[in-house]
Protein backbone atom coordinates (compact mmCIF):
# COMPACT_ATOMS: atom_id res chain seq x y z
CA MET A 1 24.06 -34.15 -17.52
CA ARG A 2 26.80 -31.82 -18.99
CA TYR A 3 25.47 -28.79 -16.38
CA LYS A 4 27.34 -27.78 -13.21
CA ILE A 5 25.05 -28.98 -10.22
CA ILE A 6 24.80 -26.05 -7.65
CA THR A 7 22.94 -24.93 -4.64
CA ALA A 8 20.35 -22.14 -4.48
CA GLU A 9 22.89 -20.07 -2.21
CA GLU A 10 25.39 -20.77 -5.19
CA ALA A 11 23.12 -19.40 -7.78
CA ALA A 12 22.32 -16.41 -5.89
CA SER A 13 25.79 -15.49 -5.97
CA TYR A 14 25.70 -15.14 -9.93
CA ILE A 15 23.17 -12.50 -9.40
CA ASN A 16 24.44 -8.94 -8.95
CA HIS A 17 22.98 -5.50 -7.60
CA ASN A 18 21.38 -3.86 -10.49
CA ASP A 19 21.01 -6.97 -12.63
CA ASN A 20 17.71 -7.38 -14.44
CA VAL A 21 16.17 -11.14 -13.86
CA GLY A 22 13.71 -12.91 -15.72
CA PHE A 23 11.60 -15.30 -14.16
CA SER A 24 9.69 -18.55 -15.51
CA GLY A 25 6.13 -19.26 -14.47
CA PHE A 26 2.57 -17.87 -14.71
CA THR A 27 0.97 -17.59 -11.07
CA ALA A 28 2.85 -19.69 -8.91
CA SER A 29 2.73 -22.50 -11.44
CA GLY A 30 5.79 -22.80 -13.01
CA SER A 31 7.56 -20.28 -11.00
CA PRO A 32 10.99 -20.84 -9.45
CA LYS A 33 10.87 -21.83 -5.51
CA VAL A 34 14.05 -22.03 -3.92
CA ILE A 35 16.70 -19.51 -6.01
CA PRO A 36 14.32 -16.39 -5.25
CA MET A 37 14.42 -17.05 -1.33
CA ALA A 38 18.34 -17.45 -1.84
CA ILE A 39 18.38 -14.09 -3.53
CA ALA A 40 16.27 -12.45 -0.73
CA GLN A 41 18.43 -13.81 1.84
CA LYS A 42 21.78 -12.53 -0.37
CA ALA A 43 20.00 -8.89 -0.17
CA GLU A 44 19.44 -8.92 3.34
CA ASP A 45 23.11 -9.96 4.14
CA GLU A 46 24.54 -7.36 1.50
CA HIS A 47 22.10 -4.84 3.21
CA ALA A 48 23.31 -5.69 6.57
CA ALA A 49 26.54 -4.87 5.26
CA GLY A 50 25.81 -1.51 4.39
CA ARG A 51 25.79 -2.38 0.44
CA PRO A 52 22.98 -1.92 -2.04
CA PHE A 53 21.34 -5.16 -3.67
CA GLN A 54 18.39 -4.63 -5.76
CA ILE A 55 17.06 -6.20 -9.07
CA GLY A 56 14.77 -5.67 -11.82
CA MET A 57 12.03 -8.16 -11.81
CA PHE A 58 10.49 -9.78 -15.12
CA THR A 59 7.83 -12.13 -14.56
CA GLY A 60 4.85 -13.71 -16.46
CA ALA A 61 2.27 -12.77 -14.37
CA SER A 62 1.87 -13.06 -10.69
CA THR A 63 4.19 -15.85 -8.93
CA SER A 64 4.20 -16.87 -5.18
CA ASP A 65 5.43 -15.87 -1.70
CA ARG A 66 8.51 -18.00 -2.51
CA LEU A 67 9.40 -15.26 -5.04
CA ASP A 68 7.11 -12.08 -5.15
CA GLY A 69 7.19 -12.45 -0.98
CA ALA A 70 10.54 -13.08 -0.45
CA LEU A 71 12.09 -10.54 -2.45
CA SER A 72 9.60 -7.92 -1.53
CA ARG A 73 10.35 -8.32 2.29
CA ALA A 74 13.95 -8.39 1.56
CA ASN A 75 13.61 -4.81 -0.36
CA ALA A 76 15.32 -6.65 -2.95
CA ILE A 77 13.40 -4.97 -6.17
CA LYS A 78 14.63 -2.44 -8.14
CA PHE A 79 11.45 -2.34 -10.41
CA ARG A 80 8.56 -5.30 -11.10
CA THR A 81 6.22 -6.03 -14.12
CA PRO A 82 3.72 -7.30 -14.70
CA TYR A 83 0.79 -8.60 -12.78
CA GLN A 84 1.24 -9.40 -9.20
CA SER A 85 -1.21 -10.82 -6.36
CA CYS A 86 1.05 -11.23 -3.28
CA ALA A 87 0.08 -9.19 -0.08
CA ASP A 88 3.70 -8.12 0.73
CA MET A 89 4.32 -6.92 -3.00
CA ARG A 90 1.07 -4.87 -2.99
CA SER A 91 1.77 -3.40 0.08
CA ALA A 92 5.49 -2.28 -0.71
CA ILE A 93 4.02 -1.15 -4.43
CA ASN A 94 1.47 1.02 -2.70
CA LYS A 95 4.01 2.27 -0.32
CA GLY A 96 6.13 3.37 -2.89
CA SER A 97 9.09 1.07 -2.22
CA VAL A 98 8.58 -1.07 -5.15
CA PRO A 99 8.50 0.86 -8.50
CA PHE A 100 5.89 -1.40 -10.63
CA PHE A 101 4.77 -0.78 -14.09
CA ASP A 102 1.67 -2.63 -15.26
CA LEU A 103 1.49 -4.29 -18.63
CA HIS A 104 -1.13 -6.11 -20.78
CA LEU A 105 0.23 -9.81 -20.25
CA SER A 106 0.58 -10.38 -24.21
CA GLU A 107 3.02 -7.32 -24.60
CA VAL A 108 5.30 -8.09 -21.83
CA ALA A 109 7.35 -10.37 -24.04
CA PRO A 110 7.54 -8.41 -27.22
CA LYS A 111 8.43 -5.24 -25.46
CA MET A 112 11.23 -7.15 -23.63
CA ARG A 113 12.78 -8.05 -27.25
CA TYR A 114 12.13 -4.47 -28.52
CA LYS A 115 14.56 -3.59 -25.56
CA ALA A 116 11.88 -1.25 -24.22
CA PHE A 117 13.14 -2.32 -20.39
CA GLY A 118 16.86 -2.82 -20.99
CA ASP A 119 18.60 -6.31 -20.99
CA VAL A 120 18.00 -9.44 -19.22
CA ASP A 121 21.23 -10.35 -17.17
CA ILE A 122 19.81 -13.75 -15.83
CA ALA A 123 16.76 -16.07 -16.34
CA VAL A 124 15.77 -18.20 -13.57
CA ILE A 125 13.90 -21.24 -15.09
CA GLU A 126 11.90 -23.87 -13.60
CA ALA A 127 12.26 -27.00 -15.61
CA SER A 128 11.01 -30.65 -15.60
CA HIS A 129 13.52 -31.85 -17.73
CA ILE A 130 16.62 -30.75 -19.56
CA THR A 131 18.86 -32.12 -22.25
CA ASP A 132 22.44 -31.75 -23.03
CA ASP A 133 21.95 -30.13 -25.93
CA GLY A 134 19.76 -27.21 -24.59
CA LYS A 135 16.46 -28.55 -24.65
CA ILE A 136 14.41 -27.01 -21.50
CA TYR A 137 11.13 -28.84 -20.82
CA LEU A 138 9.02 -26.23 -18.75
CA GLY A 139 6.80 -26.98 -15.84
CA THR A 140 3.36 -26.17 -15.12
CA GLY A 141 3.46 -22.60 -16.24
CA VAL A 142 5.18 -20.63 -19.36
CA GLY A 143 4.75 -17.37 -19.06
CA ILE A 144 7.72 -15.29 -20.91
CA ALA A 145 10.30 -18.11 -20.24
CA PRO A 146 11.01 -18.18 -24.05
CA THR A 147 11.71 -14.80 -24.26
CA VAL A 148 13.63 -14.31 -21.38
CA CYS A 149 15.93 -17.68 -22.10
CA LYS A 150 16.80 -16.10 -25.46
CA MET A 151 17.43 -12.51 -24.22
CA ALA A 152 19.60 -13.33 -20.82
CA LYS A 153 23.30 -13.24 -20.79
CA ARG A 154 22.99 -16.69 -18.57
CA ILE A 155 20.34 -19.08 -17.22
CA ILE A 156 20.02 -20.89 -13.90
CA ILE A 157 17.67 -23.79 -14.02
CA GLU A 158 15.73 -25.24 -11.14
CA LEU A 159 15.37 -28.62 -12.24
CA ASN A 160 12.10 -29.73 -10.12
CA HIS A 161 11.99 -33.61 -9.77
CA HIS A 162 8.38 -33.20 -8.27
CA LEU A 163 7.29 -32.67 -11.69
CA PRO A 164 6.51 -35.87 -13.46
CA GLU A 165 8.23 -36.95 -16.59
CA GLY A 166 5.33 -37.26 -18.37
CA LEU A 167 4.68 -33.67 -18.68
CA MET A 168 7.10 -33.54 -21.45
CA GLY A 169 5.15 -32.87 -24.56
CA PHE A 170 2.29 -30.61 -23.11
CA HIS A 171 4.25 -27.67 -24.08
CA ASP A 172 3.52 -25.79 -27.37
CA ILE A 173 6.65 -23.47 -27.44
CA TYR A 174 6.25 -20.41 -30.08
CA GLU A 175 7.97 -17.12 -30.47
CA PRO A 176 6.81 -14.92 -33.15
CA LEU A 177 9.13 -12.90 -35.18
CA ASP A 178 9.30 -9.04 -34.29
CA PRO A 179 8.13 -6.31 -36.98
CA PRO A 180 8.57 -5.55 -39.76
CA TYR A 181 8.85 -9.53 -40.35
CA ARG A 182 6.03 -10.78 -38.35
CA ARG A 183 3.61 -13.13 -40.09
CA GLU A 184 0.17 -14.47 -38.65
CA VAL A 185 -0.03 -16.78 -35.69
CA PRO A 186 -1.03 -19.86 -37.49
CA ILE A 187 -3.41 -21.17 -34.79
CA TYR A 188 -6.99 -21.77 -36.31
CA LYS A 189 -8.83 -23.76 -33.57
CA PRO A 190 -7.66 -23.91 -29.76
CA SER A 191 -5.87 -27.35 -30.22
CA ASP A 192 -3.66 -26.73 -32.93
CA ARG A 193 0.15 -26.89 -32.26
CA ILE A 194 2.69 -24.71 -34.11
CA GLY A 195 5.99 -25.25 -32.19
CA THR A 196 8.21 -27.15 -30.07
CA PRO A 197 7.50 -29.24 -26.68
CA TYR A 198 10.48 -27.29 -25.51
CA VAL A 199 12.62 -24.00 -25.16
CA GLN A 200 16.03 -24.48 -27.25
CA VAL A 201 18.95 -22.33 -25.79
CA GLU A 202 22.55 -22.15 -26.09
CA PRO A 203 23.63 -24.88 -23.76
CA GLU A 204 27.09 -22.70 -22.79
CA LYS A 205 24.40 -20.17 -21.44
CA ILE A 206 23.13 -22.57 -18.64
CA ILE A 207 25.72 -21.64 -15.94
CA GLY A 208 24.12 -24.07 -13.38
CA VAL A 209 21.25 -26.49 -12.07
CA VAL A 210 19.70 -26.46 -8.86
CA GLU A 211 17.92 -29.50 -7.95
CA THR A 212 14.40 -28.99 -5.94
CA ASP A 213 11.56 -31.29 -5.06
CA LEU A 214 8.58 -28.99 -4.48
CA SER A 215 5.02 -28.61 -5.48
CA ASP A 216 3.57 -25.28 -7.08
CA GLY A 217 1.81 -24.37 -3.74
CA VAL A 218 -1.53 -23.72 -4.88
CA LYS A 219 -4.04 -23.38 -2.17
CA ASP A 220 -7.45 -25.19 -2.65
CA PHE A 221 -10.16 -22.42 -3.70
CA ASP A 222 -12.56 -21.30 -1.09
CA THR A 223 -15.82 -22.98 -1.33
CA LEU A 224 -18.19 -21.30 -3.41
CA ASN A 225 -20.86 -19.19 -1.88
CA GLU A 226 -24.60 -18.01 -2.66
CA VAL A 227 -23.24 -14.80 -4.30
CA THR A 228 -20.67 -16.49 -6.70
CA MET A 229 -23.13 -19.06 -7.57
CA LYS A 230 -25.76 -16.80 -8.55
CA ILE A 231 -23.36 -14.80 -10.64
CA GLY A 232 -22.41 -18.13 -12.39
CA LYS A 233 -25.71 -18.73 -13.05
CA ASN A 234 -26.46 -15.51 -14.43
CA VAL A 235 -23.53 -15.95 -16.78
CA SER A 236 -24.81 -19.43 -17.79
CA ASP A 237 -28.33 -18.42 -18.24
CA PHE A 238 -27.23 -15.30 -20.22
CA LEU A 239 -25.07 -17.64 -22.73
CA ALA A 240 -27.80 -20.40 -23.05
CA GLU A 241 -30.09 -17.25 -24.18
CA GLN A 242 -27.48 -16.06 -26.43
CA LEU A 243 -27.69 -19.63 -28.31
CA ARG A 244 -31.24 -19.84 -28.37
CA THR A 245 -31.58 -16.23 -30.13
CA GLY A 246 -28.82 -17.37 -32.49
CA ARG A 247 -26.30 -14.35 -31.15
CA ILE A 248 -23.93 -17.09 -30.73
CA PRO A 249 -23.29 -19.65 -33.22
CA ALA A 250 -24.73 -23.12 -32.40
CA GLU A 251 -21.52 -24.90 -32.23
CA PHE A 252 -20.75 -22.44 -29.39
CA LEU A 253 -17.49 -20.34 -29.13
CA PRO A 254 -14.08 -21.13 -27.09
CA LEU A 255 -14.11 -19.57 -23.79
CA GLN A 256 -11.63 -17.53 -21.61
CA SER A 257 -12.07 -17.21 -18.03
CA GLY A 258 -10.12 -15.10 -15.53
CA VAL A 259 -8.75 -16.35 -12.04
CA GLY A 260 -10.21 -16.86 -8.81
CA ASN A 261 -13.42 -18.03 -7.05
CA ILE A 262 -16.14 -16.21 -9.31
CA ALA A 263 -14.30 -17.41 -12.14
CA ASN A 264 -14.62 -21.18 -10.71
CA ALA A 265 -18.08 -20.55 -9.75
CA VAL A 266 -18.94 -19.54 -13.62
CA LEU A 267 -17.29 -22.41 -15.15
CA SER A 268 -19.27 -24.74 -12.65
CA CYS A 269 -22.35 -23.33 -13.49
CA LEU A 270 -21.49 -23.43 -17.32
CA GLY A 271 -20.95 -27.01 -16.81
CA GLU A 272 -24.07 -28.05 -15.04
CA ASN A 273 -26.35 -26.16 -17.65
CA LYS A 274 -27.33 -28.48 -20.10
CA GLU A 275 -28.33 -25.87 -22.78
CA ILE A 276 -24.52 -25.28 -22.97
CA PRO A 277 -22.79 -27.49 -25.24
CA ASN A 278 -19.39 -29.14 -24.60
CA PHE A 279 -17.15 -26.41 -24.94
CA GLN A 280 -13.25 -25.78 -25.61
CA MET A 281 -11.02 -22.96 -23.84
CA TYR A 282 -8.47 -20.47 -25.33
CA THR A 283 -7.34 -18.84 -22.13
CA GLU A 284 -4.31 -18.00 -20.07
CA VAL A 285 -4.88 -20.00 -16.43
CA VAL A 286 -6.74 -23.36 -16.40
CA GLN A 287 -8.20 -23.73 -12.60
CA ASP A 288 -9.54 -26.84 -10.75
CA SER A 289 -12.93 -26.49 -12.10
CA VAL A 290 -11.76 -26.71 -15.73
CA ILE A 291 -10.21 -29.97 -14.81
CA SER A 292 -13.23 -31.25 -13.40
CA LEU A 293 -15.13 -30.32 -16.24
CA MET A 294 -12.45 -32.32 -18.38
CA LYS A 295 -12.98 -35.25 -16.26
CA GLU A 296 -16.94 -34.98 -16.65
CA GLY A 297 -16.49 -34.38 -20.60
CA ARG A 298 -18.00 -30.81 -20.85
CA CYS A 299 -14.32 -29.09 -21.39
CA THR A 300 -12.96 -31.17 -24.31
CA PHE A 301 -9.93 -29.19 -24.64
CA ALA A 302 -8.04 -26.07 -23.03
CA SER A 303 -5.03 -24.06 -24.34
CA THR A 304 -3.64 -22.20 -21.70
CA CYS A 305 -0.29 -20.51 -20.41
CA SER A 306 -0.70 -22.05 -16.73
CA LEU A 307 -1.92 -25.17 -15.00
CA SER A 308 -2.90 -23.32 -11.99
CA ILE A 309 -4.54 -26.26 -10.03
CA SER A 310 -4.45 -26.79 -6.27
CA ASP A 311 -1.84 -29.04 -5.03
CA THR A 312 -4.68 -31.43 -3.92
CA LEU A 313 -5.76 -31.83 -7.63
CA ALA A 314 -2.26 -31.65 -8.97
CA GLY A 315 -1.46 -34.93 -7.58
CA ASP A 316 -4.36 -36.84 -9.22
CA VAL A 317 -3.54 -35.00 -12.58
CA PHE A 318 0.13 -35.92 -12.48
CA LYS A 319 -0.96 -39.37 -12.23
CA ASN A 320 -3.30 -39.48 -15.04
CA LEU A 321 -1.45 -37.42 -17.49
CA ASP A 322 -2.30 -39.78 -20.48
CA PHE A 323 -5.85 -38.87 -20.16
CA TYR A 324 -5.11 -34.83 -20.59
CA ARG A 325 -2.68 -35.39 -23.17
CA ASP A 326 -4.90 -34.77 -25.64
CA LYS A 327 -7.17 -32.12 -23.67
CA LEU A 328 -4.33 -29.66 -22.81
CA VAL A 329 -1.65 -27.42 -24.19
CA LEU A 330 0.93 -24.90 -22.42
CA ARG A 331 1.67 -21.83 -24.56
CA PRO A 332 3.60 -18.81 -23.65
CA SER A 333 1.77 -15.91 -22.61
CA GLU A 334 2.46 -13.98 -25.67
CA ILE A 335 0.43 -16.50 -27.60
CA SER A 336 -2.23 -17.70 -24.87
CA ASN A 337 -2.95 -13.90 -24.50
CA ASN A 338 -2.62 -12.65 -28.22
CA PRO A 339 -5.08 -10.34 -29.65
CA GLU A 340 -5.31 -11.58 -33.21
CA MET A 341 -6.17 -15.03 -31.70
CA VAL A 342 -8.72 -13.67 -29.29
CA HIS A 343 -10.38 -12.01 -32.55
CA ARG A 344 -9.97 -14.82 -34.55
CA LEU A 345 -11.01 -17.89 -32.71
CA GLY A 346 -14.22 -15.47 -31.79
CA LEU A 347 -13.65 -15.71 -27.79
CA VAL A 348 -16.56 -15.21 -25.25
CA THR A 349 -14.41 -13.68 -22.34
CA MET A 350 -15.30 -13.23 -18.90
CA ASN A 351 -13.51 -11.59 -16.23
CA THR A 352 -13.92 -9.84 -13.06
CA ALA A 353 -14.03 -6.44 -12.16
CA ILE A 354 -13.07 -4.43 -8.91
CA GLU A 355 -15.93 -1.79 -9.96
CA ALA A 356 -17.94 -0.70 -13.01
CA ASP A 357 -19.94 2.52 -13.52
CA ILE A 358 -23.11 3.08 -14.95
CA TYR A 359 -21.93 3.47 -18.14
CA GLY A 360 -20.14 0.18 -18.58
CA ASN A 361 -16.57 1.57 -17.82
CA VAL A 362 -14.56 -1.08 -15.56
CA ASN A 363 -11.88 -0.59 -12.98
CA SER A 364 -9.94 -3.86 -12.49
CA THR A 365 -6.69 -2.68 -10.74
CA HIS A 366 -7.10 0.00 -8.24
CA VAL A 367 -9.17 0.61 -5.14
CA CYS A 368 -10.58 4.03 -4.74
CA GLY A 369 -8.23 4.86 -7.80
CA THR A 370 -5.27 5.00 -5.86
CA LYS A 371 -4.31 1.34 -4.47
CA LEU A 372 -3.22 -1.32 -6.97
CA MET A 373 -4.67 -4.63 -6.18
CA ASN A 374 -3.24 -7.19 -8.64
CA GLY A 375 -2.77 -5.29 -11.85
CA ILE A 376 -4.63 -5.53 -15.46
CA GLY A 377 -3.27 -8.82 -16.10
CA GLY A 378 -4.67 -10.49 -19.25
CA SER A 379 -8.39 -8.98 -19.30
CA GLY A 380 -7.36 -6.23 -21.53
CA ASP A 381 -5.88 -8.76 -24.20
CA PHE A 382 -8.93 -10.74 -24.22
CA THR A 383 -11.70 -7.75 -23.41
CA ARG A 384 -10.72 -5.50 -26.23
CA ASN A 385 -10.75 -8.42 -29.04
CA ALA A 386 -13.68 -10.49 -27.74
CA TYR A 387 -16.74 -11.86 -29.60
CA LEU A 388 -18.47 -10.93 -26.56
CA SER A 389 -16.50 -9.49 -23.54
CA ILE A 390 -18.26 -10.10 -20.10
CA PHE A 391 -17.63 -8.66 -16.71
CA THR A 392 -18.71 -9.93 -13.17
CA CYS A 393 -18.62 -8.68 -9.78
CA PRO A 394 -20.58 -9.03 -6.57
CA SER A 395 -22.75 -5.78 -6.22
CA VAL A 396 -21.34 -4.92 -2.85
CA ALA A 397 -18.19 -5.40 -1.05
CA LYS A 398 -17.12 -5.34 2.79
CA ASP A 399 -20.47 -6.66 3.97
CA GLY A 400 -22.28 -3.73 1.82
CA MET A 401 -20.20 -0.94 2.60
CA ILE A 402 -18.93 -0.65 -0.85
CA SER A 403 -20.96 -0.55 -3.95
CA SER A 404 -19.52 -2.39 -6.80
CA ILE A 405 -21.70 -0.13 -9.24
CA VAL A 406 -20.75 3.58 -9.02
CA PRO A 407 -21.30 6.87 -10.62
CA MET A 408 -17.87 6.86 -12.21
CA VAL A 409 -14.91 4.37 -11.92
CA SER A 410 -12.20 5.87 -9.57
CA HIS A 411 -9.82 4.41 -12.25
CA GLN A 412 -10.41 3.16 -15.80
CA ASP A 413 -8.94 -0.30 -17.24
CA HIS A 414 -11.45 -1.30 -19.98
CA SER A 415 -13.61 1.39 -21.56
CA GLU A 416 -17.36 1.27 -22.34
CA HIS A 417 -16.47 0.88 -25.92
CA SER A 418 -14.82 -2.75 -24.98
CA VAL A 419 -17.28 -4.08 -22.02
CA LYS A 420 -20.25 -5.95 -23.60
CA VAL A 421 -21.84 -7.33 -20.80
CA ILE A 422 -21.89 -6.80 -17.00
CA ILE A 423 -23.02 -9.16 -14.34
CA THR A 424 -23.53 -9.23 -10.62
CA GLU A 425 -25.76 -11.72 -8.18
CA TRP A 426 -28.73 -9.64 -9.20
CA GLY A 427 -28.51 -9.84 -13.06
CA VAL A 428 -27.50 -9.17 -16.49
CA ALA A 429 -26.80 -5.74 -18.21
CA ASP A 430 -26.48 -6.52 -21.92
CA LEU A 431 -24.86 -2.89 -23.06
CA ARG A 432 -24.62 -3.87 -26.85
CA GLY A 433 -26.61 -1.12 -29.16
CA LYS A 434 -27.69 0.80 -25.90
CA ASP A 435 -26.85 4.54 -25.91
CA PRO A 436 -25.30 5.67 -22.89
CA LEU A 437 -28.41 6.61 -20.83
CA GLN A 438 -29.70 3.15 -21.70
CA ARG A 439 -26.72 1.46 -20.42
CA ALA A 440 -27.10 3.48 -17.19
CA GLU A 441 -30.71 2.47 -16.83
CA LEU A 442 -29.97 -1.11 -17.48
CA ILE A 443 -26.81 -1.24 -14.98
CA ILE A 444 -28.73 0.22 -12.30
CA GLU A 445 -31.98 -1.74 -12.23
CA ASN A 446 -29.91 -5.25 -13.31
CA CYS A 447 -26.80 -4.98 -11.84
CA ALA A 448 -26.80 -2.53 -8.54
CA HIS A 449 -27.50 -3.73 -5.14
CA PRO A 450 -31.21 -2.12 -4.18
CA VAL A 451 -29.70 -0.35 -1.58
CA TYR A 452 -27.51 1.93 -3.83
CA ARG A 453 -29.99 2.08 -6.47
CA PRO A 454 -31.88 4.81 -5.21
CA MET A 455 -28.43 7.00 -5.14
CA LEU A 456 -27.66 5.86 -8.28
CA ARG A 457 -30.99 7.04 -9.80
CA LYS A 458 -30.86 10.39 -8.12
CA TYR A 459 -27.14 10.97 -9.12
CA LEU A 460 -28.83 10.54 -12.78
CA GLU A 461 -31.46 13.24 -11.85
CA ILE A 462 -28.81 15.82 -10.74
CA SER A 463 -26.32 15.37 -13.67
CA ALA A 464 -25.63 17.59 -16.61
CA LYS A 465 -27.71 16.59 -19.53
CA GLY A 466 -25.65 15.69 -22.69
CA HIS A 467 -24.77 12.52 -24.60
CA ILE A 468 -23.42 11.21 -20.85
CA HIS A 469 -24.82 12.50 -17.82
CA HIS A 470 -22.42 13.36 -15.23
CA ASN A 471 -22.24 15.68 -12.23
CA LEU A 472 -18.39 16.20 -11.87
CA ASN A 473 -18.86 17.64 -8.37
CA LYS A 474 -20.75 14.35 -7.24
CA ALA A 475 -18.83 11.76 -9.48
CA LEU A 476 -16.70 10.45 -7.15
CA SER A 477 -19.10 10.96 -4.13
CA PHE A 478 -19.51 7.53 -3.35
CA HIS A 479 -15.69 6.80 -3.14
CA GLU A 480 -15.04 10.08 -1.19
CA GLU A 481 -17.88 8.94 1.29
CA PHE A 482 -16.04 5.79 1.83
CA LEU A 483 -12.71 7.32 2.38
CA ARG A 484 -14.43 9.55 5.12
CA SER A 485 -16.55 7.41 6.88
CA GLY A 486 -16.00 3.64 5.79
CA ASP A 487 -19.37 3.12 4.12
CA MET A 488 -20.67 4.40 0.92
CA ARG A 489 -24.12 4.08 1.90
CA ASN A 490 -23.67 7.12 4.01
CA VAL A 491 -23.46 9.17 0.74
CA GLU A 492 -25.56 12.10 0.33
CA ILE A 493 -26.28 12.76 -3.66
């Protein structure tokens, strides 16, 4: 190999205060594992010596504690974008010690190329294989790696020997031209390939290679509980009914699913519902449930940005890569989340909400309108352009002290114009073709927890009458009561 083998500490020595650093990966999958911890240690050493040290961070999405956690604890972050899911990072953002700006995931790479956020000084990329002529074969997550490799002045590789050689060939790396030269993305079904299986860079940009042998560290998902399974069944029953009535073509449509336990429950229930035909996915993350559905023949193909599966399952997948070779493709987030593709392929999109209001507006990012949870991720990319957009959530949180259905969302990420269906464990509110008052009645009766339905009905009664009924003095009363007493059930309307 023509490249210099270095330690993680040597790699960190190339990164300076105020540098902007782009990282590979999408979730913990494909994210660098040892260099970020060495950067964090360098930051702590520099701070102890009385010198400043912070870097700008570009990532594909969330990463892991080895990256987001280590750097946030070391106070090593000048800014961070986009989506994150690390407890320490979240705390730092909400305290104001980490400047964070959220973005639709499809927009990160192009906005970087447009120089909206400045230069990229260093790219830190996990790879399963590299060649002397500058071909980088990525790991289990792609994210924005092609763009940061193109833009970065220098590149450092984490060559992860835990990743099998057979992973080569699963990627489809394609980067659109920028305006005014952009053309259509020539994908017409999820399995189409349009790029190369590697990221091509100038070999001279690679200043060092750090060797590792580490798993992504994705934990097993929680056991599916009664509430999540009820939500999953409601989704699958609703889609089966849409098939029966011809609102979804008999051939069915590709699916997109968000991340987490509800998403796993939804996909499991879709697999069990015999009225749902075998299906394909065009999505941003493949989780454990998708792999199970592939084994059963229910999911016949998945286009994704990240193979975000638990370490327990990853070992089995790596041993059987030939089985998955014609069933999986890994793309950059700019393509996996591309609005043009969502619209053209006619996706049924399924994402989760923190809260929804009685008119169908959805908050997916901020608790009580102020505290960031994770970020908008790809939910906006998919929702606004879907054939049919679905949001799911439990009707209550914190043992019933929080209602997920409220008079007015405290922060709005997805408007009533984009949200077509809301589903909780209590039922389904199909909002298509309904005026605001009809939507409110459906959401209250079908989705709200019974304890909160009388309060929501009373809110409608005391609201000013117009096209939309609202009482601005009481619109956020549920949130105000939670902040006051810790229990929305105490609210007085």
